[in-house]
């Protein structure tokens, strides 16, 4: 029920389809840790750069799909 399907094309042209279980997020924990970082100076477990990189990869995936071509994964932090 909570699965994603990943299609991967190998260098020899084979298509591999694999199911991956969807991991459930915990936004409450994220904001608790953000609060602790701001108020108590604790280290963030998830850096802002990580969030930026995830968004960049999603944008590239959408662009790749629209243009129907492989794109370089660049400009990551």
N, C-alpha and C. Protein backbone atom coordinates (compact mmCIF):
# COMPACT_ATOMS: atom_id res chain seq x y z
N UNK A 1 0.82 -1.19 0.00
CA UNK A 1 0.00 0.00 0.00
C UNK A 1 0.86 1.26 0.00
N UNK A 2 1.80 1.37 0.93
CA UNK A 2 2.67 2.54 0.99
C UNK A 2 4.01 2.24 0.36
N UNK A 3 3.99 2.05 -0.95
CA UNK A 3 5.23 1.71 -1.66
C UNK A 3 5.41 2.64 -2.86
N UNK A 4 6.66 2.90 -3.16
CA UNK A 4 7.01 3.61 -4.38
C UNK A 4 7.63 2.63 -5.35
N UNK A 5 7.59 2.93 -6.62
CA UNK A 5 8.17 2.05 -7.63
C UNK A 5 9.27 2.83 -8.34
N UNK A 6 10.49 2.30 -8.26
CA UNK A 6 11.65 2.93 -8.88
C UNK A 6 12.01 2.18 -10.15
N UNK A 7 12.06 2.91 -11.25
CA UNK A 7 12.49 2.34 -12.53
C UNK A 7 13.90 2.84 -12.80
N UNK A 8 14.83 1.92 -12.99
CA UNK A 8 16.22 2.27 -13.26
C UNK A 8 16.65 1.65 -14.57
N UNK A 9 17.26 2.45 -15.43
CA UNK A 9 17.81 1.92 -16.68
C UNK A 9 19.31 1.75 -16.50
N UNK A 10 19.79 0.53 -16.74
CA UNK A 10 21.22 0.23 -16.59
C UNK A 10 21.97 0.68 -17.84
N UNK A 11 23.29 0.67 -17.75
CA UNK A 11 24.11 1.12 -18.88
C UNK A 11 23.93 0.25 -20.12
N UNK A 12 23.49 -1.00 -19.93
CA UNK A 12 23.27 -1.87 -21.09
C UNK A 12 21.81 -1.85 -21.56
N UNK A 13 21.02 -0.89 -21.04
CA UNK A 13 19.66 -0.70 -21.52
C UNK A 13 18.58 -1.50 -20.81
N UNK A 14 18.95 -2.32 -19.83
CA UNK A 14 17.94 -3.08 -19.09
C UNK A 14 17.18 -2.14 -18.15
N UNK A 15 15.89 -2.41 -17.98
CA UNK A 15 15.06 -1.65 -17.05
C UNK A 15 14.83 -2.52 -15.81
N UNK A 16 15.17 -1.98 -14.67
CA UNK A 16 14.96 -2.67 -13.41
C UNK A 16 13.87 -1.93 -12.65
N UNK A 17 12.84 -2.66 -12.22
CA UNK A 17 11.75 -2.07 -11.45
C UNK A 17 11.79 -2.65 -10.04
N UNK A 18 11.88 -1.75 -9.06
CA UNK A 18 11.96 -2.18 -7.67
C UNK A 18 10.97 -1.41 -6.82
N UNK A 19 10.34 -2.12 -5.88
CA UNK A 19 9.44 -1.49 -4.93
C UNK A 19 10.23 -1.03 -3.71
N UNK A 20 9.88 0.14 -3.21
CA UNK A 20 10.49 0.67 -2.00
C UNK A 20 9.39 1.10 -1.05
N UNK A 21 9.52 0.68 0.19
CA UNK A 21 8.53 1.07 1.19
C UNK A 21 8.64 2.57 1.45
N UNK A 22 7.51 3.23 1.55
CA UNK A 22 7.48 4.65 1.84
C UNK A 22 7.74 4.85 3.32
N UNK A 23 8.69 5.69 3.64
CA UNK A 23 8.98 6.00 5.04
C UNK A 23 8.11 7.16 5.48
N UNK A 24 7.55 7.04 6.65
CA UNK A 24 6.67 8.09 7.17
C UNK A 24 7.51 9.18 7.82
N UNK A 25 7.20 10.41 7.50
CA UNK A 25 7.94 11.54 8.05
C UNK A 25 7.48 11.89 9.45
N UNK A 26 8.21 12.79 10.07
CA UNK A 26 7.86 13.27 11.40
C UNK A 26 8.21 14.76 11.45
N UNK A 27 7.30 15.58 10.93
CA UNK A 27 7.56 17.01 10.89
C UNK A 27 7.64 17.61 12.28
N UNK A 28 6.90 17.05 13.24
CA UNK A 28 6.97 17.54 14.61
C UNK A 28 8.38 17.48 15.16
N UNK A 29 9.06 16.37 14.93
CA UNK A 29 10.43 16.20 15.40
C UNK A 29 11.36 17.21 14.72
N UNK A 30 11.14 17.45 13.44
CA UNK A 30 11.95 18.43 12.71
C UNK A 30 11.87 19.79 13.39
N UNK A 31 10.65 20.23 13.72
CA UNK A 31 10.48 21.55 14.32
C UNK A 31 10.97 21.59 15.77
N UNK A 32 10.88 20.48 16.48
CA UNK A 32 11.47 20.41 17.82
C UNK A 32 12.98 20.61 17.74
N UNK A 33 13.61 19.97 16.78
CA UNK A 33 15.06 20.08 16.62
C UNK A 33 15.45 21.48 16.14
N UNK A 34 14.62 22.08 15.30
CA UNK A 34 14.89 23.45 14.85
C UNK A 34 14.81 24.41 16.02
N UNK A 35 13.80 24.23 16.86
CA UNK A 35 13.66 25.05 18.07
C UNK A 35 14.90 24.91 18.96
N UNK A 36 15.33 23.67 19.19
CA UNK A 36 16.49 23.41 20.04
C UNK A 36 17.75 24.05 19.45
N UNK A 37 17.85 24.07 18.13
CA UNK A 37 19.01 24.69 17.49
C UNK A 37 19.00 26.20 17.69
N UNK A 38 17.83 26.80 17.57
CA UNK A 38 17.72 28.26 17.71
C UNK A 38 17.88 28.68 19.17
N UNK A 39 17.16 28.01 20.07
CA UNK A 39 17.13 28.42 21.47
C UNK A 39 18.35 27.95 22.25
N UNK A 40 18.74 26.69 22.03
CA UNK A 40 19.81 26.09 22.84
C UNK A 40 21.14 25.96 22.09
N UNK A 41 21.17 26.32 20.81
CA UNK A 41 22.40 26.23 20.04
C UNK A 41 22.80 24.81 19.67
N UNK A 42 21.85 23.88 19.73
CA UNK A 42 22.16 22.49 19.39
C UNK A 42 22.35 22.34 17.88
N UNK A 43 23.09 21.30 17.51
CA UNK A 43 23.37 21.01 16.10
C UNK A 43 22.10 20.48 15.41
N UNK A 44 21.81 20.97 14.22
CA UNK A 44 20.69 20.44 13.44
C UNK A 44 21.05 19.07 12.89
N UNK A 45 20.12 18.13 12.96
CA UNK A 45 20.35 16.81 12.36
C UNK A 45 20.18 16.87 10.85
N UNK A 46 19.27 17.72 10.40
CA UNK A 46 19.06 17.92 8.97
C UNK A 46 19.45 19.35 8.64
N UNK A 47 20.49 19.49 7.85
CA UNK A 47 21.01 20.81 7.52
C UNK A 47 20.14 21.46 6.44
N UNK A 48 20.06 22.78 6.41
CA UNK A 48 19.33 23.46 5.35
C UNK A 48 19.82 23.06 3.96
N UNK A 49 21.12 22.80 3.84
CA UNK A 49 21.69 22.39 2.55
C UNK A 49 21.09 21.07 2.07
N UNK A 50 20.76 20.18 3.01
CA UNK A 50 20.15 18.91 2.63
C UNK A 50 18.78 19.14 2.00
N UNK A 51 18.00 20.03 2.61
CA UNK A 51 16.68 20.36 2.05
C UNK A 51 16.80 20.98 0.67
N UNK A 52 17.76 21.88 0.51
CA UNK A 52 18.00 22.49 -0.80
C UNK A 52 18.32 21.43 -1.84
N UNK A 53 19.21 20.50 -1.48
CA UNK A 53 19.62 19.46 -2.43
C UNK A 53 18.45 18.57 -2.83
N UNK A 54 17.58 18.25 -1.89
CA UNK A 54 16.41 17.43 -2.21
C UNK A 54 15.52 18.16 -3.22
N UNK A 55 15.27 19.44 -2.96
CA UNK A 55 14.43 20.23 -3.87
C UNK A 55 15.09 20.32 -5.25
N UNK A 56 16.40 20.51 -5.29
CA UNK A 56 17.12 20.61 -6.57
C UNK A 56 16.98 19.32 -7.37
N UNK A 57 17.12 18.18 -6.70
CA UNK A 57 17.00 16.89 -7.38
C UNK A 57 15.59 16.69 -7.90
N UNK A 58 14.58 17.07 -7.13
CA UNK A 58 13.20 16.96 -7.59
C UNK A 58 12.97 17.85 -8.81
N UNK A 59 13.49 19.08 -8.77
CA UNK A 59 13.36 19.98 -9.92
C UNK A 59 14.03 19.38 -11.16
N UNK A 60 15.21 18.81 -10.99
CA UNK A 60 15.90 18.20 -12.13
C UNK A 60 15.13 16.99 -12.66
N UNK A 61 14.52 16.22 -11.77
CA UNK A 61 13.73 15.07 -12.21
C UNK A 61 12.53 15.52 -13.04
N UNK A 62 11.86 16.57 -12.60
CA UNK A 62 10.73 17.11 -13.36
C UNK A 62 11.18 17.64 -14.72
N UNK A 63 12.28 18.39 -14.72
CA UNK A 63 12.81 18.94 -15.98
C UNK A 63 13.22 17.81 -16.92
N UNK A 64 13.87 16.79 -16.38
CA UNK A 64 14.30 15.65 -17.19
C UNK A 64 13.10 14.96 -17.82
N UNK A 65 12.03 14.82 -17.05
CA UNK A 65 10.82 14.18 -17.57
C UNK A 65 10.18 15.03 -18.67
N UNK A 66 10.11 16.33 -18.45
CA UNK A 66 9.50 17.23 -19.44
C UNK A 66 10.31 17.28 -20.73
N UNK A 67 11.62 17.30 -20.60
CA UNK A 67 12.49 17.41 -21.78
C UNK A 67 12.84 16.05 -22.37
N UNK A 68 12.48 14.99 -21.65
CA UNK A 68 12.74 13.61 -22.10
C UNK A 68 14.22 13.38 -22.40
N UNK A 69 15.06 13.84 -21.48
CA UNK A 69 16.50 13.63 -21.63
C UNK A 69 17.15 13.56 -20.25
N UNK A 70 18.34 12.99 -20.23
CA UNK A 70 19.12 12.90 -19.00
C UNK A 70 19.78 14.24 -18.72
N UNK A 71 19.75 14.66 -17.47
CA UNK A 71 20.37 15.92 -17.08
C UNK A 71 21.47 15.66 -16.06
N UNK A 72 22.45 16.55 -16.04
CA UNK A 72 23.50 16.48 -15.03
C UNK A 72 22.93 16.96 -13.69
N UNK A 73 23.29 16.28 -12.64
CA UNK A 73 22.86 16.66 -11.30
C UNK A 73 23.94 17.58 -10.73
N UNK A 74 23.77 18.87 -11.00
CA UNK A 74 24.79 19.83 -10.59
C UNK A 74 24.20 20.87 -9.64
N UNK A 75 25.02 21.76 -9.20
CA UNK A 75 24.64 22.86 -8.32
C UNK A 75 24.08 22.38 -6.98
N UNK A 76 24.58 21.23 -6.50
CA UNK A 76 24.19 20.77 -5.18
C UNK A 76 25.13 21.38 -4.16
N UNK A 77 24.64 21.57 -2.97
CA UNK A 77 25.46 22.16 -1.89
C UNK A 77 26.12 21.07 -1.08
